[in-house]
């Protein structure tokens, strides 16, 4: 069975600008020796970032985590926005959204 992204979640998925969250990538089986690279991306890097952009799931493991952050440098008049992030292996994967909101 080919290795693939089985799940991708961001917790919490509602954040105020400048706040962070944790993205967890889960594979359908344990990573092979040498680990498994997973490409992470964001649909709007000006609003939400994810680091690292290439996440390595260690050999023998099924999960790894990355940091997501709602930017504190948002344009004037910024409104609540949902940004879609993706985790892929070989161009195939899963997506999850994070809602970034202005601070009250």
Foldseek 3Di string as FASTA:
>chain_A
DDKWFPDWDWPPQEEEAFDKIKIKTFIPFFAAAVFAWKAKDKPDVLFKDKPPRIDTRHGRGGMDMIMMHGHPPDDPPDAWDKIKMWITDPPDGDIDIHIYGHDD
